[in-house]
Every structure is written in structure tokens, then in C-alpha cells.
N, C-alpha and C. Protein backbone atom coordinates (compact mmCIF):
# COMPACT_ATOMS: atom_id res chain seq x y z
N UNK A 1 0.85 -1.18 0.00
CA UNK A 1 0.00 0.00 0.00
C UNK A 1 0.90 1.24 0.00
N UNK A 2 0.66 2.20 -0.89
CA UNK A 2 1.49 3.41 -0.90
C UNK A 2 1.25 4.23 0.36
N UNK A 3 2.24 5.05 0.73
CA UNK A 3 2.05 5.87 1.93
C UNK A 3 0.78 6.70 1.85
N UNK A 4 0.12 6.82 2.96
CA UNK A 4 -1.11 7.60 3.05
C UNK A 4 -0.75 9.08 2.93
N UNK A 5 -1.49 9.84 2.13
CA UNK A 5 -1.19 11.27 2.05
C UNK A 5 -1.44 11.94 3.40
N UNK A 6 -0.56 12.84 3.73
CA UNK A 6 -0.70 13.54 5.01
C UNK A 6 -1.86 14.52 4.96
N UNK A 7 -2.61 14.60 6.05
CA UNK A 7 -3.63 15.64 6.14
C UNK A 7 -2.97 17.02 6.23
N UNK A 8 -3.70 18.07 5.92
CA UNK A 8 -3.13 19.42 5.98
C UNK A 8 -2.49 19.75 7.34
N UNK A 9 -3.05 19.24 8.43
CA UNK A 9 -2.49 19.54 9.76
C UNK A 9 -1.07 18.98 9.89
N UNK A 10 -0.77 17.84 9.26
CA UNK A 10 0.59 17.29 9.28
C UNK A 10 1.53 18.23 8.55
N UNK A 11 1.10 18.66 7.37
CA UNK A 11 1.95 19.54 6.57
C UNK A 11 2.22 20.85 7.31
N UNK A 12 1.21 21.37 7.97
CA UNK A 12 1.39 22.60 8.75
C UNK A 12 2.40 22.39 9.87
N UNK A 13 2.30 21.26 10.57
CA UNK A 13 3.24 20.96 11.66
C UNK A 13 4.66 20.80 11.12
N UNK A 14 4.81 20.15 9.98
CA UNK A 14 6.13 19.92 9.41
C UNK A 14 6.76 21.18 8.85
N UNK A 15 5.97 22.21 8.61
CA UNK A 15 6.47 23.46 8.04
C UNK A 15 7.01 24.42 9.09
N UNK A 16 7.02 24.03 10.34
CA UNK A 16 7.53 24.91 11.41
C UNK A 16 8.99 25.24 11.17
N UNK A 17 9.44 26.32 11.80
CA UNK A 17 10.78 26.86 11.54
C UNK A 17 11.92 25.99 12.07
N UNK A 18 11.75 25.41 13.25
CA UNK A 18 12.84 24.64 13.85
C UNK A 18 12.39 23.20 14.10
N UNK A 19 13.34 22.27 14.17
CA UNK A 19 12.95 20.89 14.48
C UNK A 19 12.17 20.77 15.78
N UNK A 20 12.58 21.48 16.80
CA UNK A 20 11.87 21.42 18.09
C UNK A 20 10.41 21.86 17.91
N UNK A 21 10.18 22.91 17.13
CA UNK A 21 8.81 23.36 16.86
C UNK A 21 8.04 22.32 16.06
N UNK A 22 8.73 21.66 15.12
CA UNK A 22 8.09 20.58 14.35
C UNK A 22 7.64 19.47 15.29
N UNK A 23 8.53 19.03 16.17
CA UNK A 23 8.20 17.93 17.08
C UNK A 23 7.02 18.30 17.97
N UNK A 24 7.07 19.51 18.53
CA UNK A 24 6.00 19.95 19.43
C UNK A 24 4.65 20.07 18.72
N UNK A 25 4.67 20.43 17.44
CA UNK A 25 3.42 20.57 16.68
C UNK A 25 2.96 19.24 16.09
N UNK A 26 3.90 18.40 15.70
CA UNK A 26 3.57 17.16 14.99
C UNK A 26 2.99 16.08 15.91
N UNK A 27 3.54 15.93 17.11
CA UNK A 27 3.09 14.84 17.99
C UNK A 27 1.61 14.92 18.34
N UNK A 28 1.05 16.09 18.70
CA UNK A 28 -0.38 16.12 18.97
C UNK A 28 -1.25 15.81 17.75
N UNK A 29 -0.80 16.25 16.58
CA UNK A 29 -1.56 15.97 15.36
C UNK A 29 -1.56 14.46 15.11
N UNK A 30 -0.40 13.83 15.22
CA UNK A 30 -0.32 12.38 15.04
C UNK A 30 -1.16 11.65 16.08
N UNK A 31 -1.08 12.11 17.33
CA UNK A 31 -1.87 11.49 18.39
C UNK A 31 -3.36 11.55 18.13
N UNK A 32 -3.83 12.68 17.62
CA UNK A 32 -5.26 12.82 17.32
C UNK A 32 -5.67 11.96 16.12
N UNK A 33 -4.84 11.94 15.10
CA UNK A 33 -5.18 11.15 13.91
C UNK A 33 -5.23 9.66 14.24
N UNK A 34 -4.27 9.18 15.03
CA UNK A 34 -4.24 7.76 15.40
C UNK A 34 -5.15 7.44 16.58
N UNK A 35 -5.68 8.47 17.23
CA UNK A 35 -6.53 8.28 18.42
C UNK A 35 -5.82 7.45 19.48
N UNK A 36 -4.63 7.94 19.89
CA UNK A 36 -3.84 7.28 20.93
C UNK A 36 -3.84 8.14 22.18
N UNK A 37 -3.35 7.57 23.27
CA UNK A 37 -3.31 8.28 24.55
C UNK A 37 -2.03 9.09 24.73
N UNK A 38 -0.95 8.57 24.16
CA UNK A 38 0.34 9.26 24.29
C UNK A 38 1.14 8.98 23.02
N UNK A 39 1.96 9.94 22.66
CA UNK A 39 2.85 9.76 21.52
C UNK A 39 4.16 10.46 21.86
N UNK A 40 5.25 9.70 21.82
CA UNK A 40 6.52 10.37 22.06
C UNK A 40 7.50 10.10 20.94
N UNK A 41 8.45 11.02 20.83
CA UNK A 41 9.52 10.92 19.85
C UNK A 41 10.83 10.98 20.62
N UNK A 42 11.58 9.89 20.55
CA UNK A 42 12.92 9.85 21.13
C UNK A 42 13.88 10.15 19.99
N UNK A 43 14.65 11.22 20.11
CA UNK A 43 15.69 11.52 19.12
C UNK A 43 17.01 11.16 19.77
N UNK A 44 17.93 10.62 18.96
CA UNK A 44 19.17 10.15 19.58
C UNK A 44 20.38 10.47 18.73
N UNK A 45 21.47 10.65 19.44
CA UNK A 45 22.78 10.78 18.84
C UNK A 45 23.37 9.37 18.84
N UNK A 46 23.45 8.71 17.68
CA UNK A 46 23.87 7.32 17.67
C UNK A 46 25.35 7.11 17.97
N UNK A 47 26.15 8.15 17.87
CA UNK A 47 27.58 8.02 18.15
C UNK A 47 27.84 8.17 19.65
N UNK A 48 27.31 9.22 20.24
CA UNK A 48 27.54 9.49 21.67
C UNK A 48 26.56 8.77 22.58
N UNK A 49 25.48 8.24 22.00
CA UNK A 49 24.41 7.56 22.74
C UNK A 49 23.77 8.47 23.79
N UNK A 50 23.39 9.64 23.32
CA UNK A 50 22.56 10.56 24.10
C UNK A 50 21.21 10.61 23.41
N UNK A 51 20.18 10.94 24.19
CA UNK A 51 18.84 11.05 23.61
C UNK A 51 18.08 12.19 24.26
N UNK A 52 17.03 12.60 23.58
CA UNK A 52 16.08 13.58 24.10
C UNK A 52 14.70 13.09 23.69
N UNK A 53 13.73 13.22 24.61
CA UNK A 53 12.38 12.73 24.33
C UNK A 53 11.39 13.89 24.36
N UNK A 54 10.59 13.97 23.30
CA UNK A 54 9.47 14.91 23.20
C UNK A 54 8.20 14.09 23.36
N UNK A 55 7.24 14.60 24.13
CA UNK A 55 6.07 13.79 24.44
C UNK A 55 4.78 14.61 24.39
N UNK A 56 3.76 14.02 23.80
CA UNK A 56 2.40 14.55 23.83
C UNK A 56 1.53 13.53 24.54
N UNK A 57 0.61 14.03 25.39
CA UNK A 57 -0.33 13.15 26.09
C UNK A 57 -1.73 13.70 25.93
N UNK A 58 -2.68 12.81 25.73
CA UNK A 58 -4.08 13.21 25.60
C UNK A 58 -4.56 13.90 26.87
N UNK A 59 -4.07 13.44 28.02
CA UNK A 59 -4.40 14.08 29.30
C UNK A 59 -3.27 13.81 30.29
N UNK A 60 -3.31 14.54 31.39
CA UNK A 60 -2.28 14.40 32.42
C UNK A 60 -2.31 13.05 33.13
N UNK A 61 -3.36 12.27 32.93
CA UNK A 61 -3.43 10.95 33.58
C UNK A 61 -2.41 9.97 33.00
N UNK A 62 -1.87 10.26 31.82
CA UNK A 62 -0.90 9.38 31.19
C UNK A 62 0.51 9.86 31.50
N UNK A 63 1.44 8.94 31.78
CA UNK A 63 2.80 9.33 32.17
C UNK A 63 3.51 10.15 31.08
N UNK A 64 4.24 11.15 31.54
CA UNK A 64 5.03 12.01 30.66
C UNK A 64 6.43 11.42 30.54
N UNK A 65 6.85 11.09 29.34
CA UNK A 65 8.18 10.51 29.12
C UNK A 65 9.21 11.56 28.69
N UNK A 66 8.82 12.83 28.64
CA UNK A 66 9.74 13.89 28.21
C UNK A 66 10.99 13.91 29.08
N UNK A 67 12.11 14.25 28.45
CA UNK A 67 13.35 14.38 29.22
C UNK A 67 13.66 15.83 29.56
N UNK A 68 13.14 16.77 28.80
CA UNK A 68 13.44 18.18 29.06
C UNK A 68 14.85 18.57 28.63
N UNK A 69 15.51 17.73 27.86
CA UNK A 69 16.86 18.00 27.39
C UNK A 69 17.57 16.68 27.08
N UNK A 70 18.83 16.79 26.71
CA UNK A 70 19.61 15.61 26.35
C UNK A 70 20.04 14.85 27.59
N UNK A 71 19.97 13.52 27.50
CA UNK A 71 20.40 12.64 28.59
C UNK A 71 21.23 11.49 28.02
N UNK A 72 22.13 10.99 28.84
CA UNK A 72 22.91 9.81 28.46
C UNK A 72 21.97 8.63 28.33
N UNK A 73 22.13 7.89 27.27
CA UNK A 73 21.26 6.75 27.01
C UNK A 73 21.72 5.54 27.82
N UNK A 74 20.75 4.88 28.45
CA UNK A 74 21.04 3.60 29.10
C UNK A 74 21.17 2.53 28.02
N UNK A 75 21.74 1.40 28.37
CA UNK A 75 21.84 0.29 27.42
C UNK A 75 20.55 -0.51 27.46
N UNK A 76 19.47 0.12 26.97
CA UNK A 76 18.14 -0.49 27.01
C UNK A 76 18.10 -1.82 26.27
N UNK A 77 18.96 -1.97 25.27
CA UNK A 77 18.93 -3.20 24.47
C UNK A 77 19.20 -4.45 25.30
N UNK A 78 19.79 -4.28 26.48
CA UNK A 78 20.04 -5.44 27.37
C UNK A 78 18.74 -5.99 27.95
N UNK A 79 17.74 -5.12 28.10
CA UNK A 79 16.46 -5.52 28.70
C UNK A 79 15.29 -5.49 27.73
N UNK A 80 15.44 -4.73 26.67
CA UNK A 80 14.31 -4.43 25.79
C UNK A 80 14.56 -4.95 24.38
N UNK A 81 13.91 -6.07 24.00
CA UNK A 81 14.11 -6.59 22.64
C UNK A 81 13.68 -5.61 21.54
N UNK A 82 12.70 -4.75 21.83
CA UNK A 82 12.29 -3.79 20.80
C UNK A 82 13.38 -2.76 20.56
N UNK A 83 14.07 -2.33 21.62
CA UNK A 83 15.16 -1.37 21.43
C UNK A 83 16.31 -2.04 20.70
N UNK A 84 16.58 -3.31 21.02
CA UNK A 84 17.62 -4.04 20.30
C UNK A 84 17.28 -4.14 18.81
N UNK A 85 16.01 -4.40 18.50
CA UNK A 85 15.58 -4.46 17.09
C UNK A 85 15.74 -3.09 16.43
N UNK A 86 15.41 -2.04 17.16
CA UNK A 86 15.55 -0.69 16.61
C UNK A 86 17.01 -0.37 16.33
N UNK A 87 17.91 -0.72 17.26
CA UNK A 87 19.34 -0.47 17.05
C UNK A 87 19.85 -1.19 15.80
N UNK A 88 19.27 -2.34 15.51
CA UNK A 88 19.66 -3.10 14.31
C UNK A 88 18.92 -2.60 13.06
N UNK A 89 18.14 -1.53 13.22
CA UNK A 89 17.37 -0.93 12.12
C UNK A 89 16.43 -1.95 11.47
N UNK A 90 15.85 -2.79 12.30
CA UNK A 90 14.84 -3.74 11.82
C UNK A 90 13.52 -2.99 11.63
N UNK A 91 12.56 -3.58 10.92
CA UNK A 91 11.29 -2.90 10.69
C UNK A 91 10.59 -2.51 11.99
N UNK A 92 9.81 -1.46 11.91
CA UNK A 92 9.03 -0.99 13.06
C UNK A 92 8.14 -2.12 13.57
N UNK A 93 7.79 -2.04 14.85
CA UNK A 93 7.04 -3.10 15.53
C UNK A 93 5.69 -2.56 15.97
N UNK A 94 4.64 -3.30 15.65
CA UNK A 94 3.27 -2.94 16.02
C UNK A 94 2.78 -3.97 17.03
N UNK A 95 2.64 -3.54 18.28
CA UNK A 95 2.23 -4.44 19.36
C UNK A 95 0.77 -4.16 19.69
N UNK A 96 -0.07 -5.16 19.49
CA UNK A 96 -1.50 -5.00 19.77
C UNK A 96 -1.82 -5.14 21.25
N UNK A 97 -1.01 -5.92 21.97
CA UNK A 97 -1.26 -6.14 23.40
C UNK A 97 0.03 -6.65 24.04
N UNK A 98 0.60 -5.87 24.95
CA UNK A 98 1.84 -6.33 25.59
C UNK A 98 1.61 -7.59 26.42
N UNK A 99 0.37 -7.83 26.82
CA UNK A 99 0.07 -9.01 27.64
C UNK A 99 0.14 -10.31 26.85
N UNK A 100 0.03 -10.24 25.54
CA UNK A 100 0.06 -11.46 24.72
C UNK A 100 1.23 -11.50 23.75
N UNK A 101 2.03 -10.45 23.69
CA UNK A 101 3.18 -10.42 22.78
C UNK A 101 4.25 -11.41 23.27
N UNK A 102 4.90 -12.11 22.36
CA UNK A 102 5.92 -13.08 22.77
C UNK A 102 7.17 -12.40 23.33
N UNK A 103 7.92 -13.09 24.19
CA UNK A 103 9.10 -12.49 24.83
C UNK A 103 10.22 -12.14 23.86
N UNK A 104 10.23 -12.72 22.67
CA UNK A 104 11.26 -12.31 21.71
C UNK A 104 10.91 -10.97 21.07
N UNK A 105 9.67 -10.50 21.26
CA UNK A 105 9.26 -9.19 20.75
C UNK A 105 9.43 -8.12 21.81
N UNK A 106 8.99 -8.40 23.03
CA UNK A 106 9.11 -7.40 24.10
C UNK A 106 9.28 -8.06 25.46
N UNK A 107 9.80 -7.27 26.38
CA UNK A 107 9.97 -7.67 27.77
C UNK A 107 8.80 -7.05 28.53
N UNK A 108 7.82 -7.86 28.85
CA UNK A 108 6.59 -7.37 29.49
C UNK A 108 6.89 -6.59 30.77
N UNK A 109 7.76 -7.11 31.60
CA UNK A 109 8.10 -6.43 32.85
C UNK A 109 8.70 -5.04 32.56
N UNK A 110 9.62 -4.97 31.62
CA UNK A 110 10.25 -3.71 31.24
C UNK A 110 9.19 -2.70 30.78
N UNK A 111 8.28 -3.14 29.93
CA UNK A 111 7.23 -2.25 29.42
C UNK A 111 6.34 -1.75 30.54
N UNK A 112 5.93 -2.65 31.42
CA UNK A 112 5.06 -2.25 32.54
C UNK A 112 5.75 -1.26 33.46
N UNK A 113 6.99 -1.55 33.84
CA UNK A 113 7.71 -0.72 34.81
C UNK A 113 8.13 0.63 34.24
N UNK A 114 8.50 0.66 32.98
CA UNK A 114 9.06 1.89 32.41
C UNK A 114 8.09 2.73 31.60
N UNK A 115 7.07 2.10 31.02
CA UNK A 115 6.22 2.85 30.10
C UNK A 115 4.74 2.76 30.41
N UNK A 116 4.27 1.65 30.92
CA UNK A 116 2.90 1.53 31.40
C UNK A 116 1.81 1.38 30.37
N UNK A 117 2.15 1.33 29.10
CA UNK A 117 1.13 1.24 28.06
C UNK A 117 0.67 -0.20 27.85
N UNK A 118 -0.38 -0.36 27.07
CA UNK A 118 -0.93 -1.69 26.78
C UNK A 118 -0.68 -2.09 25.33
N UNK A 119 -0.79 -1.14 24.41
CA UNK A 119 -0.54 -1.40 22.99
C UNK A 119 0.28 -0.23 22.44
N UNK A 120 1.17 -0.52 21.50
CA UNK A 120 2.06 0.53 21.02
C UNK A 120 2.58 0.25 19.62
N UNK A 121 3.10 1.31 19.04
CA UNK A 121 3.88 1.21 17.81
C UNK A 121 5.29 1.65 18.18
N UNK A 122 6.27 0.84 17.82
CA UNK A 122 7.68 1.15 18.07
C UNK A 122 8.27 1.47 16.70
N UNK A 123 8.12 2.75 16.29
CA UNK A 123 8.53 3.18 14.96
C UNK A 123 10.00 3.57 14.92
N UNK A 124 10.76 2.95 14.03
CA UNK A 124 12.21 3.13 13.98
C UNK A 124 12.60 4.14 12.91
N UNK A 125 13.26 5.21 13.33
CA UNK A 125 13.79 6.21 12.41
C UNK A 125 15.26 5.89 12.20
N UNK A 126 15.59 5.34 11.05
CA UNK A 126 16.97 4.92 10.77
C UNK A 126 17.49 5.63 9.53
N UNK A 127 18.78 5.88 9.54
CA UNK A 127 19.46 6.47 8.38
C UNK A 127 20.90 5.96 8.40
N UNK A 128 21.41 5.55 7.27
CA UNK A 128 22.78 5.06 7.13
C UNK A 128 23.10 3.93 8.11
N UNK A 129 22.13 3.05 8.32
CA UNK A 129 22.35 1.89 9.19
C UNK A 129 22.41 2.20 10.67
N UNK A 130 21.97 3.39 11.05
CA UNK A 130 22.00 3.79 12.47
C UNK A 130 20.62 4.24 12.92
N UNK A 131 20.28 3.87 14.14
CA UNK A 131 19.03 4.31 14.74
C UNK A 131 19.15 5.78 15.11
N UNK A 132 18.25 6.59 14.56
CA UNK A 132 18.25 8.04 14.82
C UNK A 132 17.14 8.44 15.76
N UNK A 133 16.12 7.60 15.89
CA UNK A 133 15.02 7.94 16.78
C UNK A 133 13.97 6.85 16.82
N UNK A 134 13.05 7.02 17.75
CA UNK A 134 11.91 6.11 17.89
C UNK A 134 10.66 6.95 18.04
N UNK A 135 9.67 6.66 17.23
CA UNK A 135 8.36 7.30 17.32
C UNK A 135 7.43 6.27 17.95
N UNK A 136 6.82 6.64 19.10
CA UNK A 136 6.04 5.65 19.83
C UNK A 136 4.66 6.15 20.23
N UNK A 137 3.66 5.95 19.37
CA UNK A 137 2.28 6.17 19.78
C UNK A 137 1.82 4.95 20.59
N UNK A 138 0.95 5.18 21.58
CA UNK A 138 0.49 4.06 22.39
C UNK A 138 -0.87 4.34 23.01
N UNK A 139 -1.48 3.27 23.48
CA UNK A 139 -2.72 3.37 24.24
C UNK A 139 -2.54 2.64 25.56
N UNK A 140 -3.30 3.06 26.54
CA UNK A 140 -3.28 2.47 27.88
C UNK A 140 -4.60 1.74 28.10
N UNK A 141 -4.59 0.79 29.01
CA UNK A 141 -5.82 0.16 29.51
C UNK A 141 -6.56 -0.76 28.56
N UNK A 142 -6.09 -0.92 27.32
CA UNK A 142 -6.80 -1.82 26.41
C UNK A 142 -5.88 -2.20 25.24
N UNK A 143 -6.11 -3.38 24.66
CA UNK A 143 -5.37 -3.73 23.44
C UNK A 143 -5.82 -2.84 22.28
N UNK A 144 -5.06 -2.87 21.21
CA UNK A 144 -5.39 -2.07 20.02
C UNK A 144 -4.91 -2.81 18.79
N UNK A 145 -5.79 -3.01 17.86
CA UNK A 145 -5.40 -3.56 16.56
C UNK A 145 -5.00 -2.39 15.68
N UNK A 146 -3.78 -2.43 15.18
CA UNK A 146 -3.26 -1.34 14.34
C UNK A 146 -3.68 -1.61 12.89
N UNK A 147 -4.48 -0.72 12.35
CA UNK A 147 -5.05 -0.89 11.02
C UNK A 147 -4.02 -0.58 9.92
N UNK A 148 -4.39 -0.91 8.70
CA UNK A 148 -3.55 -0.54 7.55
C UNK A 148 -3.40 0.98 7.47
N UNK A 149 -4.45 1.70 7.81
CA UNK A 149 -4.37 3.16 7.84
C UNK A 149 -3.31 3.61 8.84
N UNK A 150 -3.36 3.05 10.07
CA UNK A 150 -2.38 3.40 11.10
C UNK A 150 -0.96 3.12 10.61
N UNK A 151 -0.76 1.96 10.02
CA UNK A 151 0.56 1.56 9.54
C UNK A 151 1.05 2.49 8.42
N UNK A 152 0.15 2.88 7.55
CA UNK A 152 0.50 3.79 6.47
C UNK A 152 0.88 5.17 7.01
N UNK A 153 0.09 5.66 7.96
CA UNK A 153 0.38 6.96 8.56
C UNK A 153 1.75 6.93 9.24
N UNK A 154 2.03 5.87 9.99
CA UNK A 154 3.32 5.75 10.67
C UNK A 154 4.46 5.68 9.65
N UNK A 155 4.28 4.90 8.60
CA UNK A 155 5.32 4.83 7.56
C UNK A 155 5.62 6.19 6.97
N UNK A 156 4.58 6.95 6.67
CA UNK A 156 4.77 8.29 6.12
C UNK A 156 5.42 9.22 7.15
N UNK A 157 4.98 9.11 8.40
CA UNK A 157 5.55 9.96 9.46
C UNK A 157 7.04 9.67 9.64
N UNK A 158 7.41 8.40 9.65
CA UNK A 158 8.83 8.05 9.80
C UNK A 158 9.64 8.58 8.64
N UNK A 159 9.12 8.43 7.43
CA UNK A 159 9.83 8.95 6.25
C UNK A 159 10.06 10.45 6.35
N UNK A 160 9.04 11.17 6.77
CA UNK A 160 9.13 12.63 6.83
C UNK A 160 9.95 13.13 8.01
N UNK A 161 9.88 12.45 9.15
CA UNK A 161 10.56 12.92 10.35
C UNK A 161 12.05 12.60 10.38
N UNK A 162 12.47 11.55 9.71
CA UNK A 162 13.87 11.11 9.84
C UNK A 162 14.86 12.21 9.50
N UNK A 163 14.68 12.91 8.39
CA UNK A 163 15.62 13.98 8.02
C UNK A 163 15.62 15.11 9.04
N UNK A 164 14.46 15.42 9.57
CA UNK A 164 14.36 16.49 10.57
C UNK A 164 15.10 16.08 11.84
N UNK A 165 14.95 14.82 12.25
CA UNK A 165 15.65 14.32 13.44
C UNK A 165 17.16 14.34 13.21
N UNK A 166 17.61 13.88 12.05
CA UNK A 166 19.05 13.87 11.74
C UNK A 166 19.60 15.29 11.80
N UNK A 167 18.90 16.25 11.21
CA UNK A 167 19.34 17.65 11.24
C UNK A 167 19.38 18.19 12.66
N UNK A 168 18.39 17.84 13.47
CA UNK A 168 18.34 18.30 14.86
C UNK A 168 19.55 17.79 15.64
N UNK A 169 19.90 16.54 15.46
CA UNK A 169 21.05 15.97 16.18
C UNK A 169 22.34 16.59 15.66
N UNK A 170 22.45 16.77 14.36
CA UNK A 170 23.66 17.39 13.78
C UNK A 170 23.88 18.79 14.34
N UNK A 171 22.81 19.54 14.51
CA UNK A 171 22.92 20.91 15.03
C UNK A 171 23.44 20.92 16.46
N UNK A 172 23.25 19.83 17.17
CA UNK A 172 23.71 19.72 18.56
C UNK A 172 25.22 19.49 18.63
N UNK A 173 25.79 18.90 17.58
CA UNK A 173 27.22 18.53 17.59
C UNK A 173 28.12 19.75 17.64
């Protein structure tokens, strides 16, 4: 299926002046279109292994994963198979229910303790064989079947955001 055309609100968000403004405008639009509870974007420096997280939440009842700036990255791949898959630039992962996903896909305990969601998309932003970021829309309290529409929107979002994320990290160097 070809990428889904972006709605005008996506294009408006992507037209912002700075990457930070793009992230802040884009996440709520994506969250509303996908009808999720939280959506975060982890941007990372793959050489120094630092990251920064931008987060949108439908309401304050959902945990805020924002970092408020750059932080040293933990070696999440030791506990989190999805992060290990992302580091290897494997295809994005669509989890309908963490309670039924196999252990080779995710570490249920890790997800519960660190993120608290029930269903998620682990979208991998990769360039030149390196993980540049993770886009993670999710829902709490219930499973979610990710439709072809959802998958298409995520594919388009990853394609469009990757260059912006790479530029944002480069500007930090």
C-alpha cells in the first residue's frame, strides 16, 4: 500500500521553523489522527548515545516521558528486545497487546515498569544503518489492533521525520 497522504495539519506541523517546533506541533496531530493516549519521539545521537524525548499526552493521567533535554542513554537493548531491534534498524514493531506479545518481541516487565502502556507502535527512524530515533504512539488500559491506515500513517511519518531528526542531532554537535 502506498504511503497515506498527510492531512493538511501534518503539513502545517512539518512546516515549522525549527525541528523542536516541528516535534512539538507534529506529535499532537499524530496522536489525534491515530486516536492514541500518548505519543513520544525519542531523538538520539547514535555516536555518543545521548537522547532527548518529546512527548504529547491526551491528558495528564498518562505518564510524561519527556526528558526536558539531552540525557545519556542507558543500554536499554540489554532488557528491551524492541530497542535491540531498533538499534539493528529492523522494521518498526506494532504491538497489539503487551500481555500477549511473545518475549522475543518485548519484555513485558520492562514495558510495565518503564512505560505503562498496553498497545504501542515502536517506529524506527533509521538512516545510514543507524538508529536516529523512535516514534512511539500508544494506548493504555486496552489492546489495540493497528489498522492498515495506522501503519501507512506511521510509515509516512517516519519517512518525513527522519531527516528532521538527523538535522536536529547534527545541530547539537
